PDB file of N, CA and C in Angstrom:
ATOM      1  N   MET A   1     -35.203  12.887   8.216  1.00  0.00           N
ATOM      2  CA  MET A   1     -34.266  11.963   7.624  1.00  0.00           C
ATOM      3  C   MET A   1     -34.286  12.151   6.105  1.00  0.00           C
ATOM      4  N   ALA A   2     -33.101  12.191   5.492  1.00  0.00           N
ATOM      5  CA  ALA A   2     -32.986  12.381   4.045  1.00  0.00           C
ATOM      6  C   ALA A   2     -33.413  11.122   3.312  1.00  0.00           C
ATOM      7  N   LYS A   3     -34.043  11.306   2.181  1.00  0.00           N
ATOM      8  CA  LYS A   3     -34.482  10.201   1.344  1.00  0.00           C
ATOM      9  C   LYS A   3     -33.349   9.827   0.390  1.00  0.00           C
ATOM     10  N   MET A   4     -33.071   8.548   0.261  1.00  0.00           N
ATOM     11  CA  MET A   4     -32.025   8.078  -0.629  1.00  0.00           C
ATOM     12  C   MET A   4     -32.674   7.448  -1.857  1.00  0.00           C
ATOM     13  N   VAL A   5     -32.165   7.815  -3.016  1.00  0.00           N
ATOM     14  CA  VAL A   5     -32.654   7.264  -4.271  1.00  0.00           C
ATOM     15  C   VAL A   5     -31.478   6.595  -4.978  1.00  0.00           C
ATOM     16  N   ILE A   6     -31.639   5.337  -5.332  1.00  0.00           N
ATOM     17  CA  ILE A   6     -30.597   4.608  -6.054  1.00  0.00           C
ATOM     18  C   ILE A   6     -31.101   4.392  -7.477  1.00  0.00           C
ATOM     19  N   GLU A   7     -30.299   4.818  -8.437  1.00  0.00           N
ATOM     20  CA  GLU A   7     -30.666   4.702  -9.841  1.00  0.00           C
ATOM     21  C   GLU A   7     -29.528   4.061 -10.619  1.00  0.00           C
ATOM     22  N   ARG A   8     -29.859   3.474 -11.748  1.00  0.00           N
ATOM     23  CA  ARG A   8     -28.844   2.913 -12.643  1.00  0.00           C
ATOM     24  C   ARG A   8     -28.000   4.063 -13.190  1.00  0.00           C
ATOM     25  N   ALA A   9     -26.707   3.851 -13.252  1.00  0.00           N
ATOM     26  CA  ALA A   9     -25.806   4.865 -13.796  1.00  0.00           C
ATOM     27  C   ALA A   9     -26.081   5.038 -15.281  1.00  0.00           C
ATOM     28  N   GLY A  10     -25.995   6.263 -15.725  1.00  0.00           N
ATOM     29  CA  GLY A  10     -26.175   6.564 -17.138  1.00  0.00           C
ATOM     30  C   GLY A  10     -24.839   6.819 -17.807  1.00  0.00           C
ATOM     31  N   VAL A  11     -24.869   6.925 -19.117  1.00  0.00           N
ATOM     32  CA  VAL A  11     -23.649   7.196 -19.882  1.00  0.00           C
ATOM     33  C   VAL A  11     -22.969   8.465 -19.372  1.00  0.00           C
ATOM     34  N   GLU A  12     -23.756   9.433 -18.956  1.00  0.00           N
ATOM     35  CA  GLU A  12     -23.195  10.700 -18.469  1.00  0.00           C
ATOM     36  C   GLU A  12     -22.446  10.534 -17.144  1.00  0.00           C
ATOM     37  N   ASP A  13     -22.604   9.397 -16.484  1.00  0.00           N
ATOM     38  CA  ASP A  13     -21.936   9.130 -15.205  1.00  0.00           C
ATOM     39  C   ASP A  13     -20.617   8.382 -15.366  1.00  0.00           C
ATOM     40  N   LEU A  14     -20.310   7.919 -16.560  1.00  0.00           N
ATOM     41  CA  LEU A  14     -19.161   7.031 -16.751  1.00  0.00           C
ATOM     42  C   LEU A  14     -17.823   7.685 -16.428  1.00  0.00           C
ATOM     43  N   ARG A  15     -17.651   8.945 -16.746  1.00  0.00           N
ATOM     44  CA  ARG A  15     -16.384   9.619 -16.417  1.00  0.00           C
ATOM     45  C   ARG A  15     -16.176   9.663 -14.901  1.00  0.00           C
ATOM     46  N   THR A  16     -17.226   9.965 -14.159  1.00  0.00           N
ATOM     47  CA  THR A  16     -17.137  10.010 -12.696  1.00  0.00           C
ATOM     48  C   THR A  16     -16.862   8.616 -12.138  1.00  0.00           C
ATOM     49  N   ILE A  17     -17.483   7.606 -12.714  1.00  0.00           N
ATOM     50  CA  ILE A  17     -17.244   6.222 -12.282  1.00  0.00           C
ATOM     51  C   ILE A  17     -15.792   5.843 -12.529  1.00  0.00           C
ATOM     52  N   LEU A  18     -15.253   6.221 -13.672  1.00  0.00           N
ATOM     53  CA  LEU A  18     -13.849   5.935 -13.978  1.00  0.00           C
ATOM     54  C   LEU A  18     -12.920   6.627 -12.984  1.00  0.00           C
ATOM     55  N   GLU A  19     -13.215   7.872 -12.650  1.00  0.00           N
ATOM     56  CA  GLU A  19     -12.405   8.604 -11.670  1.00  0.00           C
ATOM     57  C   GLU A  19     -12.466   7.938 -10.299  1.00  0.00           C
ATOM     58  N   LEU A  20     -13.649   7.497  -9.906  1.00  0.00           N
ATOM     59  CA  LEU A  20     -13.809   6.811  -8.625  1.00  0.00           C
ATOM     60  C   LEU A  20     -13.067   5.478  -8.638  1.00  0.00           C
ATOM     61  N   GLN A  21     -13.174   4.751  -9.730  1.00  0.00           N
ATOM     62  CA  GLN A  21     -12.456   3.478  -9.872  1.00  0.00           C
ATOM     63  C   GLN A  21     -10.963   3.694  -9.700  1.00  0.00           C
ATOM     64  N   TYR A  22     -10.440   4.735 -10.330  1.00  0.00           N
ATOM     65  CA  TYR A  22      -9.014   5.032 -10.237  1.00  0.00           C
ATOM     66  C   TYR A  22      -8.608   5.288  -8.787  1.00  0.00           C
ATOM     67  N   LEU A  23      -9.390   6.077  -8.081  1.00  0.00           N
ATOM     68  CA  LEU A  23      -9.087   6.363  -6.676  1.00  0.00           C
ATOM     69  C   LEU A  23      -9.171   5.108  -5.815  1.00  0.00           C
ATOM     70  N   CYS A  24     -10.168   4.296  -6.050  1.00  0.00           N
ATOM     71  CA  CYS A  24     -10.382   3.105  -5.224  1.00  0.00           C
ATOM     72  C   CYS A  24      -9.286   2.056  -5.401  1.00  0.00           C
ATOM     73  N   TYR A  25      -8.736   1.944  -6.588  1.00  0.00           N
ATOM     74  CA  TYR A  25      -7.734   0.908  -6.854  1.00  0.00           C
ATOM     75  C   TYR A  25      -6.312   1.351  -6.534  1.00  0.00           C
ATOM     76  N   GLN A  26      -6.128   2.566  -6.044  1.00  0.00           N
ATOM     77  CA  GLN A  26      -4.795   3.013  -5.647  1.00  0.00           C
ATOM     78  C   GLN A  26      -4.223   2.141  -4.530  1.00  0.00           C
ATOM     79  N   SER A  27      -5.059   1.789  -3.562  1.00  0.00           N
ATOM     80  CA  SER A  27      -4.565   0.976  -2.442  1.00  0.00           C
ATOM     81  C   SER A  27      -4.183  -0.425  -2.911  1.00  0.00           C
ATOM     82  N   GLU A  28      -4.923  -0.983  -3.862  1.00  0.00           N
ATOM     83  CA  GLU A  28      -4.572  -2.308  -4.387  1.00  0.00           C
ATOM     84  C   GLU A  28      -3.252  -2.247  -5.159  1.00  0.00           C
ATOM     85  N   ALA A  29      -3.060  -1.184  -5.906  1.00  0.00           N
ATOM     86  CA  ALA A  29      -1.805  -1.016  -6.640  1.00  0.00           C
ATOM     87  C   ALA A  29      -0.623  -0.941  -5.670  1.00  0.00           C
ATOM     88  N   LYS A  30      -0.826  -0.277  -4.546  1.00  0.00           N
ATOM     89  CA  LYS A  30       0.237  -0.212  -3.536  1.00  0.00           C
ATOM     90  C   LYS A  30       0.526  -1.586  -2.951  1.00  0.00           C
ATOM     91  N   LEU A  31      -0.522  -2.378  -2.723  1.00  0.00           N
ATOM     92  CA  LEU A  31      -0.325  -3.729  -2.182  1.00  0.00           C
ATOM     93  C   LEU A  31       0.503  -4.593  -3.130  1.00  0.00           C
ATOM     94  N   PHE A  32       0.264  -4.439  -4.426  1.00  0.00           N
ATOM     95  CA  PHE A  32       0.983  -5.225  -5.431  1.00  0.00           C
ATOM     96  C   PHE A  32       2.269  -4.545  -5.891  1.00  0.00           C
ATOM     97  N   HIS A  33       2.532  -3.351  -5.351  1.00  0.00           N
ATOM     98  CA  HIS A  33       3.723  -2.579  -5.728  1.00  0.00           C
ATOM     99  C   HIS A  33       3.768  -2.363  -7.239  1.00  0.00           C
ATOM    100  N   SER A  34       2.601  -2.099  -7.821  1.00  0.00           N
ATOM    101  CA  SER A  34       2.537  -1.903  -9.261  1.00  0.00           C
ATOM    102  C   SER A  34       1.341  -1.038  -9.642  1.00  0.00           C
ATOM    103  N   PRO A  35       1.574   0.026 -10.374  1.00  0.00           N
ATOM    104  CA  PRO A  35       0.448   0.831 -10.874  1.00  0.00           C
ATOM    105  C   PRO A  35      -0.115   0.251 -12.171  1.00  0.00           C
ATOM    106  N   ASP A  36       0.369  -0.932 -12.534  1.00  0.00           N
ATOM    107  CA  ASP A  36       0.032  -1.534 -13.821  1.00  0.00           C
ATOM    108  C   ASP A  36      -1.104  -2.558 -13.713  1.00  0.00           C
ATOM    109  N   ILE A  37      -2.103  -2.287 -12.878  1.00  0.00           N
ATOM    110  CA  ILE A  37      -3.234  -3.203 -12.766  1.00  0.00           C
ATOM    111  C   ILE A  37      -4.360  -2.710 -13.685  1.00  0.00           C
ATOM    112  N   PRO A  38      -5.136  -3.631 -14.254  1.00  0.00           N
ATOM    113  CA  PRO A  38      -6.140  -3.251 -15.266  1.00  0.00           C
ATOM    114  C   PRO A  38      -7.091  -2.116 -14.883  1.00  0.00           C
ATOM    115  N   PRO A  39      -7.642  -2.058 -13.663  1.00  0.00           N
ATOM    116  CA  PRO A  39      -8.567  -0.961 -13.361  1.00  0.00           C
ATOM    117  C   PRO A  39      -7.918   0.422 -13.415  1.00  0.00           C
ATOM    118  N   LEU A  40      -6.609   0.484 -13.250  1.00  0.00           N
ATOM    119  CA  LEU A  40      -5.914   1.775 -13.305  1.00  0.00           C
ATOM    120  C   LEU A  40      -5.536   2.154 -14.733  1.00  0.00           C
ATOM    121  N   LYS A  41      -5.627   1.209 -15.646  1.00  0.00           N
ATOM    122  CA  LYS A  41      -5.275   1.468 -17.028  1.00  0.00           C
ATOM    123  C   LYS A  41      -6.504   1.611 -17.930  1.00  0.00           C
ATOM    124  N   GLN A  42      -7.671   1.320 -17.389  1.00  0.00           N
ATOM    125  CA  GLN A  42      -8.890   1.363 -18.195  1.00  0.00           C
ATOM    126  C   GLN A  42      -9.188   2.789 -18.647  1.00  0.00           C
ATOM    127  N   THR A  43      -9.634   2.920 -19.866  1.00  0.00           N
ATOM    128  CA  THR A  43      -9.931   4.231 -20.432  1.00  0.00           C
ATOM    129  C   THR A  43     -11.434   4.492 -20.430  1.00  0.00           C
ATOM    130  N   LEU A  44     -11.789   5.730 -20.630  1.00  0.00           N
ATOM    131  CA  LEU A  44     -13.198   6.101 -20.729  1.00  0.00           C
ATOM    132  C   LEU A  44     -13.841   5.380 -21.918  1.00  0.00           C
ATOM    133  N   GLU A  45     -13.126   5.269 -23.009  1.00  0.00           N
ATOM    134  CA  GLU A  45     -13.648   4.596 -24.196  1.00  0.00           C
ATOM    135  C   GLU A  45     -13.959   3.124 -23.900  1.00  0.00           C
ATOM    136  N   GLU A  46     -13.098   2.464 -23.123  1.00  0.00           N
ATOM    137  CA  GLU A  46     -13.338   1.059 -22.761  1.00  0.00           C
ATOM    138  C   GLU A  46     -14.576   0.923 -21.880  1.00  0.00           C
ATOM    139  N   ILE A  47     -14.739   1.834 -20.946  1.00  0.00           N
ATOM    140  CA  ILE A  47     -15.916   1.785 -20.076  1.00  0.00           C
ATOM    141  C   ILE A  47     -17.179   2.066 -20.883  1.00  0.00           C
ATOM    142  N   GLU A  48     -17.099   2.997 -21.815  1.00  0.00           N
ATOM    143  CA  GLU A  48     -18.258   3.290 -22.667  1.00  0.00           C
ATOM    144  C   GLU A  48     -18.632   2.073 -23.511  1.00  0.00           C
ATOM    145  N   GLU A  49     -17.626   1.324 -23.949  1.00  0.00           N
ATOM    146  CA  GLU A  49     -17.869   0.116 -24.740  1.00  0.00           C
ATOM    147  C   GLU A  49     -18.534  -0.982 -23.895  1.00  0.00           C
ATOM    148  N   GLU A  50     -18.129  -1.101 -22.640  1.00  0.00           N
ATOM    149  CA  GLU A  50     -18.687  -2.110 -21.738  1.00  0.00           C
ATOM    150  C   GLU A  50     -20.090  -1.759 -21.264  1.00  0.00           C
ATOM    151  N   TYR A  51     -20.402  -0.486 -21.173  1.00  0.00           N
ATOM    152  CA  TYR A  51     -21.636  -0.027 -20.545  1.00  0.00           C
ATOM    153  C   TYR A  51     -22.905  -0.721 -21.039  1.00  0.00           C
ATOM    154  N   PRO A  52     -23.117  -0.861 -22.344  1.00  0.00           N
ATOM    155  CA  PRO A  52     -24.376  -1.485 -22.790  1.00  0.00           C
ATOM    156  C   PRO A  52     -24.501  -2.964 -22.399  1.00  0.00           C
ATOM    157  N   HIS A  53     -23.397  -3.580 -21.976  1.00  0.00           N
ATOM    158  CA  HIS A  53     -23.402  -5.009 -21.681  1.00  0.00           C
ATOM    159  C   HIS A  53     -23.525  -5.338 -20.197  1.00  0.00           C
ATOM    160  N   VAL A  54     -23.688  -4.331 -19.355  1.00  0.00           N
ATOM    161  CA  VAL A  54     -23.820  -4.593 -17.907  1.00  0.00           C
ATOM    162  C   VAL A  54     -25.214  -4.300 -17.435  1.00  0.00           C
TER     163      VAL A  54
END
């Protein structure tokens, strides 16, 4: 059985997290018939700014 390790995301992971967020919120945007929801508009710079506070 493979061992699973869960670690806190680092700054180097933020771009991948943003890409995943974008993919995940596509279905919500379709439900609201709008691509104009905040998670789809968030930038890498905004996520980098939030990172130290989470």
